[in-house]
N, C-alpha and C. Protein backbone atom coordinates (compact mmCIF):
# COMPACT_ATOMS: atom_id res chain seq x y z
N MET A 1 89.69 48.69 -53.93
CA MET A 1 88.65 47.90 -53.25
C MET A 1 87.25 48.26 -53.79
N SER A 2 87.02 49.58 -53.98
CA SER A 2 85.73 50.04 -54.49
C SER A 2 85.47 49.52 -55.90
N LEU A 3 86.55 49.47 -56.71
CA LEU A 3 86.41 48.96 -58.08
C LEU A 3 86.03 47.49 -58.08
N ILE A 4 86.61 46.73 -57.16
CA ILE A 4 86.28 45.30 -57.05
C ILE A 4 84.82 45.14 -56.64
N LEU A 5 84.39 45.96 -55.68
CA LEU A 5 83.00 45.91 -55.23
C LEU A 5 82.05 46.27 -56.36
N PHE A 6 82.44 47.26 -57.16
CA PHE A 6 81.64 47.67 -58.32
C PHE A 6 81.49 46.50 -59.29
N ALA A 7 82.58 45.80 -59.55
CA ALA A 7 82.56 44.66 -60.47
C ALA A 7 81.70 43.52 -59.93
N VAL A 8 81.80 43.28 -58.62
CA VAL A 8 81.02 42.22 -57.98
C VAL A 8 79.52 42.51 -58.09
N ILE A 9 79.13 43.75 -57.84
CA ILE A 9 77.72 44.14 -57.92
C ILE A 9 77.21 44.00 -59.36
N PHE A 10 78.04 44.39 -60.31
CA PHE A 10 77.66 44.29 -61.73
C PHE A 10 77.42 42.84 -62.13
N VAL A 11 78.32 41.96 -61.70
CA VAL A 11 78.17 40.52 -61.99
C VAL A 11 76.94 39.97 -61.27
N PHE A 12 76.73 40.45 -60.03
CA PHE A 12 75.55 40.03 -59.27
C PHE A 12 74.26 40.37 -60.02
N LEU A 13 74.19 41.56 -60.60
CA LEU A 13 73.01 41.97 -61.36
C LEU A 13 72.79 41.04 -62.56
N TRP A 14 73.88 40.69 -63.22
CA TRP A 14 73.76 39.77 -64.35
C TRP A 14 73.23 38.41 -63.90
N LEU A 15 73.76 37.91 -62.77
CA LEU A 15 73.30 36.63 -62.23
C LEU A 15 71.82 36.70 -61.86
N VAL A 16 71.41 37.84 -61.30
CA VAL A 16 70.00 38.03 -60.95
C VAL A 16 69.13 37.93 -62.19
N VAL A 17 69.55 38.56 -63.28
CA VAL A 17 68.80 38.51 -64.54
C VAL A 17 68.62 37.07 -65.00
N GLU A 18 69.71 36.31 -65.00
CA GLU A 18 69.66 34.93 -65.48
C GLU A 18 68.81 34.04 -64.57
N ILE A 19 69.01 34.17 -63.27
CA ILE A 19 68.29 33.32 -62.32
C ILE A 19 66.79 33.62 -62.32
N VAL A 20 66.44 34.91 -62.32
CA VAL A 20 65.01 35.29 -62.32
C VAL A 20 64.36 34.87 -63.64
N SER A 21 65.10 34.99 -64.74
CA SER A 21 64.57 34.55 -66.04
C SER A 21 64.23 33.07 -66.01
N ILE A 22 65.08 32.28 -65.38
CA ILE A 22 64.85 30.84 -65.27
C ILE A 22 63.68 30.56 -64.31
N LEU A 23 63.54 31.39 -63.27
CA LEU A 23 62.39 31.25 -62.38
C LEU A 23 61.09 31.49 -63.14
N PHE A 24 61.08 32.53 -63.97
CA PHE A 24 59.90 32.79 -64.80
C PHE A 24 59.66 31.62 -65.76
N LYS A 25 60.74 31.09 -66.30
CA LYS A 25 60.63 29.97 -67.24
C LYS A 25 60.02 28.76 -66.55
N SER A 26 60.35 28.55 -65.27
CA SER A 26 59.83 27.40 -64.53
C SER A 26 58.32 27.49 -64.33
N THR A 27 57.74 28.70 -64.50
CA THR A 27 56.28 28.86 -64.40
C THR A 27 55.60 28.70 -65.76
N GLY A 28 56.39 28.35 -66.79
CA GLY A 28 55.83 28.12 -68.11
C GLY A 28 56.06 29.23 -69.11
N MET A 29 56.84 30.23 -68.73
CA MET A 29 57.09 31.38 -69.61
C MET A 29 58.27 31.10 -70.54
N ASP A 30 58.22 31.65 -71.75
CA ASP A 30 59.32 31.52 -72.68
C ASP A 30 60.56 32.22 -72.13
N LEU A 31 61.75 31.59 -72.25
CA LEU A 31 62.97 32.12 -71.63
C LEU A 31 63.34 33.49 -72.17
N TYR A 32 63.22 33.70 -73.48
CA TYR A 32 63.62 34.99 -74.06
C TYR A 32 62.67 36.11 -73.62
N LYS A 33 61.39 35.80 -73.55
CA LYS A 33 60.41 36.78 -73.05
C LYS A 33 60.66 37.06 -71.57
N ALA A 34 60.99 36.00 -70.83
CA ALA A 34 61.26 36.14 -69.40
C ALA A 34 62.47 37.03 -69.16
N ARG A 35 63.53 36.84 -69.97
CA ARG A 35 64.74 37.65 -69.82
C ARG A 35 64.46 39.12 -70.13
N PHE A 36 63.67 39.36 -71.18
CA PHE A 36 63.31 40.73 -71.56
C PHE A 36 62.55 41.43 -70.43
N GLN A 37 61.57 40.71 -69.85
CA GLN A 37 60.78 41.30 -68.78
C GLN A 37 61.61 41.51 -67.52
N THR A 38 62.56 40.61 -67.26
CA THR A 38 63.44 40.76 -66.09
C THR A 38 64.30 42.01 -66.22
N ILE A 39 64.88 42.21 -67.40
CA ILE A 39 65.70 43.40 -67.64
C ILE A 39 64.84 44.66 -67.56
N SER A 40 63.62 44.57 -68.06
CA SER A 40 62.68 45.69 -68.01
C SER A 40 62.38 46.10 -66.57
N ILE A 41 62.16 45.10 -65.71
CA ILE A 41 61.88 45.39 -64.29
C ILE A 41 63.12 45.95 -63.60
N LEU A 42 64.29 45.36 -63.89
CA LEU A 42 65.53 45.81 -63.24
C LEU A 42 65.89 47.24 -63.61
N THR A 43 65.65 47.60 -64.87
CA THR A 43 66.05 48.93 -65.35
C THR A 43 64.94 49.96 -65.21
N HIS A 44 63.77 49.52 -64.71
CA HIS A 44 62.62 50.41 -64.51
C HIS A 44 62.19 51.10 -65.80
N THR A 45 62.32 50.40 -66.91
CA THR A 45 61.94 51.00 -68.19
C THR A 45 60.44 50.94 -68.43
N GLY A 46 59.77 50.02 -67.75
CA GLY A 46 58.32 49.99 -67.77
C GLY A 46 57.69 49.71 -69.12
N PHE A 47 58.22 48.75 -69.85
CA PHE A 47 57.62 48.39 -71.13
C PHE A 47 56.23 47.79 -70.90
N THR A 48 55.22 48.35 -71.56
CA THR A 48 53.86 47.83 -71.44
C THR A 48 53.58 46.89 -72.62
N THR A 49 54.17 45.72 -72.55
CA THR A 49 54.03 44.73 -73.62
C THR A 49 53.03 43.67 -73.20
N ARG A 50 52.64 42.86 -74.17
CA ARG A 50 51.73 41.76 -73.88
C ARG A 50 52.35 40.79 -72.89
N GLU A 51 53.68 40.62 -73.01
CA GLU A 51 54.39 39.68 -72.12
C GLU A 51 54.30 40.13 -70.66
N SER A 52 54.25 41.44 -70.44
CA SER A 52 54.16 41.93 -69.05
C SER A 52 52.85 41.51 -68.41
N GLU A 53 51.80 41.35 -69.22
CA GLU A 53 50.52 40.87 -68.70
C GLU A 53 50.63 39.42 -68.25
N LEU A 54 51.52 38.66 -68.89
CA LEU A 54 51.72 37.27 -68.47
C LEU A 54 52.26 37.21 -67.04
N ILE A 55 52.95 38.27 -66.62
CA ILE A 55 53.49 38.34 -65.26
C ILE A 55 52.45 38.87 -64.29
N THR A 56 51.81 39.99 -64.65
CA THR A 56 50.87 40.64 -63.72
C THR A 56 49.63 39.80 -63.46
N GLN A 57 49.28 38.93 -64.39
CA GLN A 57 48.07 38.12 -64.23
C GLN A 57 48.34 36.75 -63.64
N HIS A 58 49.61 36.50 -63.27
CA HIS A 58 49.98 35.18 -62.72
C HIS A 58 50.52 35.37 -61.31
N PRO A 59 49.88 34.77 -60.27
CA PRO A 59 50.28 35.02 -58.88
C PRO A 59 51.74 34.69 -58.57
N ALA A 60 52.25 33.56 -59.06
CA ALA A 60 53.64 33.17 -58.77
C ALA A 60 54.61 34.15 -59.42
N ARG A 61 54.33 34.55 -60.65
CA ARG A 61 55.21 35.49 -61.35
C ARG A 61 55.16 36.87 -60.69
N ARG A 62 54.00 37.25 -60.17
CA ARG A 62 53.90 38.55 -59.48
C ARG A 62 54.80 38.58 -58.25
N LYS A 63 54.85 37.45 -57.53
CA LYS A 63 55.72 37.37 -56.35
C LYS A 63 57.19 37.50 -56.74
N ILE A 64 57.58 36.81 -57.82
CA ILE A 64 58.96 36.88 -58.30
C ILE A 64 59.29 38.31 -58.71
N ALA A 65 58.36 38.95 -59.45
CA ALA A 65 58.58 40.32 -59.93
C ALA A 65 58.67 41.30 -58.76
N SER A 66 57.84 41.10 -57.73
CA SER A 66 57.87 41.98 -56.55
C SER A 66 59.22 41.90 -55.84
N GLY A 67 59.72 40.68 -55.67
CA GLY A 67 61.03 40.50 -55.05
C GLY A 67 62.14 41.11 -55.88
N LEU A 68 62.02 40.97 -57.19
CA LEU A 68 63.03 41.53 -58.10
C LEU A 68 63.05 43.05 -58.03
N MET A 69 61.89 43.68 -57.89
CA MET A 69 61.82 45.14 -57.78
C MET A 69 62.58 45.65 -56.55
N VAL A 70 62.42 44.94 -55.44
CA VAL A 70 63.12 45.33 -54.20
C VAL A 70 64.63 45.16 -54.38
N VAL A 71 65.04 44.00 -54.92
CA VAL A 71 66.47 43.74 -55.15
C VAL A 71 67.04 44.78 -56.10
N SER A 72 66.30 45.10 -57.15
CA SER A 72 66.74 46.08 -58.14
C SER A 72 66.99 47.45 -57.51
N TYR A 73 66.03 47.88 -56.69
CA TYR A 73 66.14 49.20 -56.04
C TYR A 73 67.38 49.28 -55.15
N LEU A 74 67.55 48.26 -54.29
CA LEU A 74 68.67 48.27 -53.34
C LEU A 74 70.02 48.15 -54.06
N THR A 75 70.08 47.28 -55.08
CA THR A 75 71.33 47.06 -55.80
C THR A 75 71.75 48.29 -56.59
N GLN A 76 70.79 48.94 -57.23
CA GLN A 76 71.11 50.12 -58.03
C GLN A 76 71.60 51.27 -57.16
N ILE A 77 70.99 51.44 -55.98
CA ILE A 77 71.46 52.48 -55.04
C ILE A 77 72.91 52.20 -54.63
N THR A 78 73.18 50.93 -54.30
CA THR A 78 74.54 50.54 -53.90
C THR A 78 75.53 50.76 -55.03
N LEU A 79 75.13 50.36 -56.24
CA LEU A 79 76.01 50.48 -57.41
C LEU A 79 76.35 51.95 -57.70
N ILE A 80 75.35 52.81 -57.63
CA ILE A 80 75.57 54.24 -57.88
C ILE A 80 76.47 54.84 -56.79
N SER A 81 76.22 54.44 -55.53
CA SER A 81 77.03 54.96 -54.41
C SER A 81 78.50 54.56 -54.55
N VAL A 82 78.72 53.29 -54.91
CA VAL A 82 80.10 52.80 -55.09
C VAL A 82 80.77 53.53 -56.25
N LEU A 83 80.04 53.72 -57.35
CA LEU A 83 80.59 54.41 -58.52
C LEU A 83 80.98 55.85 -58.19
N ILE A 84 80.12 56.53 -57.44
CA ILE A 84 80.41 57.92 -57.04
C ILE A 84 81.65 57.97 -56.15
N ASN A 85 81.75 57.02 -55.20
CA ASN A 85 82.92 56.97 -54.31
C ASN A 85 84.20 56.72 -55.09
N VAL A 86 84.12 55.85 -56.10
CA VAL A 86 85.30 55.56 -56.92
C VAL A 86 85.75 56.81 -57.65
N LEU A 87 84.81 57.53 -58.24
CA LEU A 87 85.14 58.73 -59.04
C LEU A 87 85.63 59.88 -58.16
N ILE A 88 85.07 59.98 -56.94
CA ILE A 88 85.51 61.05 -56.02
C ILE A 88 86.92 60.78 -55.50
N SER A 89 87.18 59.52 -55.14
CA SER A 89 88.47 59.16 -54.56
C SER A 89 89.61 59.19 -55.58
N ASP A 90 89.26 58.97 -56.85
CA ASP A 90 90.29 58.94 -57.89
C ASP A 90 89.73 59.57 -59.17
N THR A 91 90.22 60.73 -59.51
CA THR A 91 89.70 61.45 -60.69
C THR A 91 90.03 60.71 -62.00
N ASN A 92 91.03 59.85 -61.96
CA ASN A 92 91.39 59.08 -63.16
C ASN A 92 90.72 57.70 -63.19
N ALA A 93 89.77 57.51 -62.27
CA ALA A 93 89.14 56.19 -62.14
C ALA A 93 88.18 55.89 -63.29
N MET A 94 87.75 56.91 -64.02
CA MET A 94 86.80 56.70 -65.10
C MET A 94 87.32 55.68 -66.12
N LEU A 95 88.62 55.76 -66.42
CA LEU A 95 89.22 54.82 -67.35
C LEU A 95 89.18 53.40 -66.80
N SER A 96 89.49 53.26 -65.51
CA SER A 96 89.47 51.94 -64.87
C SER A 96 88.06 51.35 -64.88
N VAL A 97 87.08 52.20 -64.57
CA VAL A 97 85.68 51.75 -64.57
C VAL A 97 85.28 51.30 -65.97
N GLY A 98 85.70 52.08 -66.97
CA GLY A 98 85.39 51.74 -68.36
C GLY A 98 86.00 50.41 -68.77
N VAL A 99 87.25 50.18 -68.36
CA VAL A 99 87.93 48.92 -68.69
C VAL A 99 87.23 47.74 -68.02
N ILE A 100 86.91 47.91 -66.74
CA ILE A 100 86.24 46.83 -65.99
C ILE A 100 84.88 46.51 -66.61
N LEU A 101 84.12 47.56 -66.95
CA LEU A 101 82.82 47.35 -67.58
C LEU A 101 82.95 46.61 -68.91
N PHE A 102 83.96 47.00 -69.67
CA PHE A 102 84.20 46.36 -70.98
C PHE A 102 84.52 44.88 -70.80
N VAL A 103 85.42 44.59 -69.86
CA VAL A 103 85.81 43.19 -69.60
C VAL A 103 84.62 42.37 -69.13
N LEU A 104 83.82 42.95 -68.22
CA LEU A 104 82.65 42.25 -67.70
C LEU A 104 81.61 42.00 -68.79
N LEU A 105 81.40 43.00 -69.65
CA LEU A 105 80.44 42.85 -70.74
C LEU A 105 80.87 41.76 -71.73
N VAL A 106 82.18 41.72 -72.01
CA VAL A 106 82.71 40.67 -72.89
C VAL A 106 82.52 39.30 -72.24
N PHE A 107 82.80 39.22 -70.93
CA PHE A 107 82.63 37.97 -70.18
C PHE A 107 81.18 37.50 -70.22
N ILE A 108 80.25 38.42 -69.94
CA ILE A 108 78.82 38.09 -69.94
C ILE A 108 78.36 37.69 -71.34
N PHE A 109 78.86 38.41 -72.34
CA PHE A 109 78.50 38.10 -73.73
C PHE A 109 78.94 36.68 -74.10
N LEU A 110 80.17 36.33 -73.71
CA LEU A 110 80.69 34.99 -74.03
C LEU A 110 79.90 33.90 -73.33
N ILE A 111 79.54 34.15 -72.07
CA ILE A 111 78.78 33.16 -71.31
C ILE A 111 77.39 32.96 -71.91
N THR A 112 76.71 34.07 -72.22
CA THR A 112 75.33 33.99 -72.71
C THR A 112 75.26 33.53 -74.16
N ARG A 113 76.30 33.84 -74.95
CA ARG A 113 76.26 33.49 -76.37
C ARG A 113 76.89 32.15 -76.70
N THR A 114 77.70 31.64 -75.78
CA THR A 114 78.28 30.31 -75.99
C THR A 114 77.26 29.27 -75.55
N ARG A 115 76.74 28.52 -76.51
CA ARG A 115 75.63 27.61 -76.23
C ARG A 115 75.98 26.59 -75.15
N PHE A 116 77.20 26.06 -75.18
CA PHE A 116 77.61 25.04 -74.21
C PHE A 116 77.59 25.62 -72.79
N LEU A 117 78.26 26.77 -72.60
CA LEU A 117 78.33 27.39 -71.27
C LEU A 117 76.94 27.84 -70.81
N SER A 118 76.18 28.44 -71.74
CA SER A 118 74.84 28.94 -71.41
C SER A 118 73.92 27.82 -70.98
N SER A 119 73.93 26.71 -71.72
CA SER A 119 73.04 25.58 -71.40
C SER A 119 73.44 24.93 -70.07
N ARG A 120 74.77 24.85 -69.83
CA ARG A 120 75.25 24.27 -68.56
C ARG A 120 74.78 25.14 -67.37
N PHE A 121 74.94 26.45 -67.52
CA PHE A 121 74.55 27.37 -66.44
C PHE A 121 73.04 27.30 -66.21
N ASN A 122 72.26 27.33 -67.31
CA ASN A 122 70.80 27.26 -67.19
C ASN A 122 70.34 25.95 -66.55
N SER A 123 70.98 24.85 -66.95
CA SER A 123 70.62 23.54 -66.38
C SER A 123 70.91 23.49 -64.89
N PHE A 124 72.06 24.07 -64.50
CA PHE A 124 72.45 24.10 -63.09
C PHE A 124 71.42 24.86 -62.25
N VAL A 125 71.04 26.06 -62.72
CA VAL A 125 70.06 26.87 -61.99
C VAL A 125 68.70 26.20 -61.98
N GLU A 126 68.30 25.60 -63.12
CA GLU A 126 67.00 24.93 -63.22
C GLU A 126 66.89 23.78 -62.23
N ARG A 127 68.00 23.04 -62.05
CA ARG A 127 67.99 21.92 -61.09
C ARG A 127 67.77 22.43 -59.67
N ILE A 128 68.43 23.53 -59.34
CA ILE A 128 68.26 24.11 -57.99
C ILE A 128 66.83 24.58 -57.79
N VAL A 129 66.29 25.30 -58.80
CA VAL A 129 64.92 25.81 -58.72
C VAL A 129 63.92 24.66 -58.61
N GLU A 130 64.13 23.61 -59.41
CA GLU A 130 63.24 22.45 -59.40
C GLU A 130 63.20 21.80 -58.02
N LYS A 131 64.38 21.66 -57.40
CA LYS A 131 64.46 21.05 -56.07
C LYS A 131 63.69 21.87 -55.05
N ARG A 132 63.84 23.21 -55.15
CA ARG A 132 63.15 24.10 -54.22
C ARG A 132 61.64 24.01 -54.40
N ILE A 133 61.20 23.97 -55.68
CA ILE A 133 59.76 23.90 -55.96
C ILE A 133 59.19 22.58 -55.46
N ASN A 134 59.91 21.48 -55.74
CA ASN A 134 59.44 20.16 -55.30
C ASN A 134 59.38 20.07 -53.78
N LYS A 135 60.37 20.69 -53.12
CA LYS A 135 60.43 20.67 -51.66
C LYS A 135 59.24 21.42 -51.07
N SER A 136 58.96 22.62 -51.62
CA SER A 136 57.85 23.43 -51.12
C SER A 136 56.51 22.78 -51.45
N THR A 137 56.45 22.11 -52.59
CA THR A 137 55.21 21.42 -53.00
C THR A 137 54.89 20.28 -52.04
N LYS A 138 55.94 19.53 -51.65
CA LYS A 138 55.73 18.41 -50.74
C LYS A 138 55.30 18.90 -49.36
N LYS A 139 55.83 20.05 -48.95
CA LYS A 139 55.48 20.60 -47.65
C LYS A 139 54.05 21.13 -47.62
N ASN A 140 53.62 21.71 -48.74
CA ASN A 140 52.30 22.33 -48.79
C ASN A 140 51.56 21.97 -50.07
N PRO A 141 51.16 20.69 -50.22
CA PRO A 141 50.51 20.28 -51.46
C PRO A 141 49.05 20.70 -51.54
N MET A 142 48.48 21.14 -50.40
CA MET A 142 47.06 21.50 -50.38
C MET A 142 46.85 22.67 -49.44
N SER A 143 46.05 23.65 -49.88
CA SER A 143 45.72 24.77 -49.02
C SER A 143 44.24 25.09 -49.15
N GLN A 144 43.62 25.40 -48.03
CA GLN A 144 42.18 25.66 -48.02
C GLN A 144 41.90 27.07 -48.52
N VAL A 145 40.95 27.17 -49.44
CA VAL A 145 40.52 28.47 -49.94
C VAL A 145 39.27 28.91 -49.19
N MET A 146 38.30 28.00 -49.07
CA MET A 146 37.05 28.33 -48.39
C MET A 146 36.39 27.06 -47.87
N LYS A 147 35.92 27.11 -46.64
CA LYS A 147 35.19 25.98 -46.07
C LYS A 147 33.70 26.30 -46.19
N ILE A 148 32.99 25.54 -47.03
CA ILE A 148 31.58 25.80 -47.27
C ILE A 148 30.72 25.25 -46.14
N SER A 149 31.09 24.06 -45.67
CA SER A 149 30.36 23.38 -44.58
C SER A 149 31.34 22.44 -43.90
N PRO A 150 30.92 21.76 -42.84
CA PRO A 150 31.85 20.81 -42.19
C PRO A 150 32.36 19.71 -43.12
N GLU A 151 31.61 19.40 -44.19
CA GLU A 151 31.99 18.30 -45.08
C GLU A 151 32.56 18.76 -46.42
N PHE A 152 32.20 19.96 -46.85
CA PHE A 152 32.60 20.42 -48.18
C PHE A 152 33.42 21.71 -48.10
N GLY A 153 34.32 21.86 -49.07
CA GLY A 153 35.15 23.06 -49.10
C GLY A 153 35.83 23.23 -50.46
N ILE A 154 36.49 24.38 -50.63
CA ILE A 154 37.25 24.67 -51.84
C ILE A 154 38.73 24.67 -51.46
N TYR A 155 39.54 23.92 -52.22
CA TYR A 155 40.96 23.78 -51.92
C TYR A 155 41.81 23.98 -53.18
N GLU A 156 43.07 24.33 -52.94
CA GLU A 156 44.08 24.34 -54.01
C GLU A 156 44.96 23.12 -53.83
N ILE A 157 45.14 22.36 -54.90
CA ILE A 157 45.99 21.16 -54.87
C ILE A 157 47.08 21.29 -55.92
N VAL A 158 48.31 20.98 -55.55
CA VAL A 158 49.43 20.96 -56.50
C VAL A 158 49.71 19.51 -56.87
N VAL A 159 49.71 19.21 -58.15
CA VAL A 159 49.94 17.85 -58.63
C VAL A 159 51.40 17.47 -58.41
N GLY A 160 51.63 16.40 -57.65
CA GLY A 160 52.98 15.94 -57.35
C GLY A 160 53.50 14.97 -58.39
N GLU A 161 54.83 14.80 -58.41
CA GLU A 161 55.44 13.93 -59.42
C GLU A 161 55.22 12.45 -59.12
N ASP A 162 55.03 12.09 -57.86
CA ASP A 162 54.86 10.68 -57.50
C ASP A 162 53.40 10.32 -57.21
N GLY A 163 52.49 11.25 -57.52
CA GLY A 163 51.08 11.03 -57.18
C GLY A 163 50.30 10.27 -58.22
N GLY A 164 49.02 10.12 -57.92
CA GLY A 164 48.16 9.38 -58.82
C GLY A 164 47.47 10.25 -59.85
N LEU A 165 47.72 11.56 -59.83
CA LEU A 165 47.04 12.46 -60.77
C LEU A 165 47.89 12.78 -61.99
N ALA A 166 49.19 12.86 -61.81
CA ALA A 166 50.09 13.25 -62.91
C ALA A 166 50.02 12.24 -64.06
N GLY A 167 49.90 12.77 -65.27
CA GLY A 167 49.87 11.92 -66.45
C GLY A 167 48.49 11.36 -66.76
N LYS A 168 47.47 11.81 -66.03
CA LYS A 168 46.11 11.34 -66.27
C LYS A 168 45.22 12.49 -66.73
N THR A 169 44.17 12.15 -67.48
CA THR A 169 43.16 13.15 -67.81
C THR A 169 42.23 13.29 -66.61
N LEU A 170 41.43 14.34 -66.59
CA LEU A 170 40.47 14.51 -65.49
C LEU A 170 39.49 13.34 -65.43
N MET A 171 39.14 12.82 -66.59
CA MET A 171 38.23 11.67 -66.62
C MET A 171 38.88 10.45 -65.98
N GLU A 172 40.16 10.23 -66.31
CA GLU A 172 40.89 9.07 -65.78
C GLU A 172 41.18 9.19 -64.29
N SER A 173 41.18 10.41 -63.78
CA SER A 173 41.48 10.63 -62.36
C SER A 173 40.32 10.22 -61.45
N HIS A 174 39.11 10.10 -62.03
CA HIS A 174 37.91 9.69 -61.29
C HIS A 174 37.63 10.60 -60.08
N LEU A 175 37.93 11.88 -60.24
CA LEU A 175 37.68 12.83 -59.16
C LEU A 175 36.19 13.04 -58.92
N LYS A 176 35.42 13.07 -60.02
CA LYS A 176 33.98 13.29 -59.88
C LYS A 176 33.32 12.18 -59.07
N GLU A 177 33.79 10.95 -59.29
CA GLU A 177 33.24 9.81 -58.55
C GLU A 177 33.48 9.94 -57.05
N ALA A 178 34.55 10.69 -56.70
CA ALA A 178 34.88 10.92 -55.29
C ALA A 178 34.27 12.22 -54.77
N TYR A 179 33.33 12.79 -55.55
CA TYR A 179 32.65 14.04 -55.19
C TYR A 179 33.61 15.21 -55.10
N VAL A 180 34.52 15.26 -56.10
CA VAL A 180 35.47 16.38 -56.20
C VAL A 180 35.37 16.96 -57.61
N GLN A 181 35.03 18.23 -57.68
CA GLN A 181 34.89 18.92 -58.96
C GLN A 181 36.05 19.89 -59.17
N VAL A 182 36.74 19.78 -60.30
CA VAL A 182 37.85 20.69 -60.61
C VAL A 182 37.27 21.96 -61.24
N LEU A 183 37.53 23.10 -60.60
CA LEU A 183 37.01 24.39 -61.07
C LEU A 183 38.00 25.11 -61.97
N LYS A 184 39.29 24.93 -61.68
CA LYS A 184 40.31 25.66 -62.43
C LYS A 184 41.62 24.89 -62.40
N VAL A 185 42.36 24.97 -63.50
CA VAL A 185 43.70 24.37 -63.57
C VAL A 185 44.68 25.44 -64.02
N ASP A 186 45.69 25.71 -63.17
CA ASP A 186 46.73 26.68 -63.51
C ASP A 186 47.96 25.90 -63.94
N LYS A 187 48.32 26.00 -65.23
CA LYS A 187 49.46 25.28 -65.78
C LYS A 187 50.70 26.16 -65.90
N GLY A 188 50.66 27.35 -65.35
CA GLY A 188 51.80 28.27 -65.45
C GLY A 188 51.72 29.10 -66.71
N SER A 189 51.72 28.44 -67.86
CA SER A 189 51.65 29.16 -69.14
C SER A 189 50.23 29.58 -69.46
N GLU A 190 49.25 28.91 -68.85
CA GLU A 190 47.85 29.25 -69.08
C GLU A 190 47.00 28.81 -67.90
N THR A 191 45.84 29.46 -67.75
CA THR A 191 44.89 29.10 -66.72
C THR A 191 43.59 28.67 -67.39
N ILE A 192 43.10 27.50 -67.03
CA ILE A 192 41.92 26.93 -67.67
C ILE A 192 40.79 26.86 -66.64
N ASN A 193 39.73 27.63 -66.88
CA ASN A 193 38.57 27.60 -66.01
C ASN A 193 37.58 26.54 -66.50
N PHE A 194 36.98 25.83 -65.55
CA PHE A 194 36.03 24.76 -65.85
C PHE A 194 36.58 23.83 -66.96
N PRO A 195 37.72 23.18 -66.68
CA PRO A 195 38.39 22.37 -67.70
C PRO A 195 37.56 21.18 -68.18
N HIS A 196 37.83 20.77 -69.42
CA HIS A 196 37.16 19.61 -70.02
C HIS A 196 37.73 18.33 -69.42
N SER A 197 36.94 17.28 -69.43
CA SER A 197 37.36 16.00 -68.84
C SER A 197 38.57 15.38 -69.55
N SER A 198 38.85 15.85 -70.78
CA SER A 198 39.98 15.30 -71.54
C SER A 198 41.31 16.00 -71.22
N LEU A 199 41.26 17.01 -70.34
CA LEU A 199 42.49 17.76 -70.00
C LEU A 199 43.48 16.87 -69.27
N MET A 200 44.74 16.86 -69.74
CA MET A 200 45.80 16.06 -69.13
C MET A 200 46.45 16.83 -67.99
N LEU A 201 46.61 16.18 -66.84
CA LEU A 201 47.24 16.80 -65.68
C LEU A 201 48.74 16.51 -65.69
N ARG A 202 49.53 17.53 -65.39
CA ARG A 202 50.99 17.40 -65.36
C ARG A 202 51.52 17.77 -63.98
N VAL A 203 52.75 17.34 -63.70
CA VAL A 203 53.41 17.67 -62.43
C VAL A 203 53.55 19.20 -62.33
N GLY A 204 53.15 19.74 -61.19
CA GLY A 204 53.24 21.17 -60.97
C GLY A 204 51.96 21.92 -61.25
N ASP A 205 50.99 21.26 -61.92
CA ASP A 205 49.70 21.91 -62.16
C ASP A 205 49.03 22.22 -60.83
N LYS A 206 48.42 23.40 -60.75
CA LYS A 206 47.70 23.79 -59.53
C LYS A 206 46.21 23.73 -59.82
N LEU A 207 45.51 22.90 -59.06
CA LEU A 207 44.06 22.72 -59.25
C LEU A 207 43.29 23.44 -58.15
N VAL A 208 42.23 24.10 -58.54
CA VAL A 208 41.27 24.63 -57.57
C VAL A 208 40.06 23.70 -57.64
N VAL A 209 39.79 23.02 -56.53
CA VAL A 209 38.73 22.02 -56.54
C VAL A 209 37.69 22.31 -55.46
N TYR A 210 36.47 21.85 -55.74
CA TYR A 210 35.39 21.91 -54.75
C TYR A 210 34.88 20.50 -54.52
N GLY A 211 34.70 20.14 -53.27
CA GLY A 211 34.19 18.80 -53.02
C GLY A 211 34.26 18.40 -51.56
N LYS A 212 34.13 17.09 -51.34
CA LYS A 212 34.19 16.55 -49.98
C LYS A 212 35.61 16.71 -49.43
N ILE A 213 35.70 17.29 -48.25
CA ILE A 213 37.01 17.55 -47.64
C ILE A 213 37.77 16.25 -47.42
N LYS A 214 37.06 15.22 -46.98
CA LYS A 214 37.71 13.92 -46.74
C LYS A 214 38.29 13.36 -48.04
N SER A 215 37.50 13.44 -49.12
CA SER A 215 37.98 12.94 -50.42
C SER A 215 39.18 13.70 -50.91
N ILE A 216 39.16 15.03 -50.72
CA ILE A 216 40.28 15.88 -51.16
C ILE A 216 41.54 15.52 -50.39
N LYS A 217 41.39 15.29 -49.08
CA LYS A 217 42.54 14.92 -48.26
C LYS A 217 43.07 13.53 -48.63
N ASP A 218 42.18 12.64 -49.00
CA ASP A 218 42.59 11.31 -49.45
C ASP A 218 43.41 11.39 -50.73
N ILE A 219 43.01 12.31 -51.60
CA ILE A 219 43.75 12.52 -52.87
C ILE A 219 45.16 12.96 -52.57
N ILE A 220 45.31 13.86 -51.59
CA ILE A 220 46.65 14.37 -51.22
C ILE A 220 47.49 13.25 -50.63
N VAL A 221 46.89 12.40 -49.82
CA VAL A 221 47.64 11.28 -49.23
C VAL A 221 48.19 10.37 -50.30
N ASN A 222 47.43 10.20 -51.36
CA ASN A 222 47.86 9.32 -52.46
C ASN A 222 48.75 10.03 -53.48
N GLN A 223 49.01 11.32 -53.26
CA GLN A 223 49.84 12.07 -54.20
C GLN A 223 51.29 11.66 -54.07
């Protein structure tokens, strides 16, 4: 029973690596860099690479990384405890553990290296993540950062897929005419402060805007 639990936890860790890597990818990060950083966080190796700055300087990625650290700590404690129990209960269990690890590593290698299986798995997880992101975006497309006066304030707006902002440049969006100034655009892969009017807005972009509260709310209604 302990050996089965050990195998389940090991597979769970692998699934965590793949799912979290795809979560990082959904924020605009390269998948291979995301996977490297996920393994780095899980194993507590603490690589101080440039890619790690892409996580620490991005609020959404920091949240994902924080959750992963907690999961990593709890899972590793459980894994070590189960392994110790297996070895104490059966002195010949080392061979069984070795065989199970070998089989699991071969299984994981085949899944990750077989392009067909890997792409299918990644697509499946990406669809789930996309649905969750779209659902949360629809629930909270706008959040107040600061109210300057009864009429003006600073807000965060997430560009929706069915809205009037996606696929338009800032100039084409006519936000300035509605007394709304875009201060920052977070595209996941990069953050643009005081963006140029030629910047194209995409679904999922997070805008920090200053302007008339009524105009900002009207923009959200039309999103």
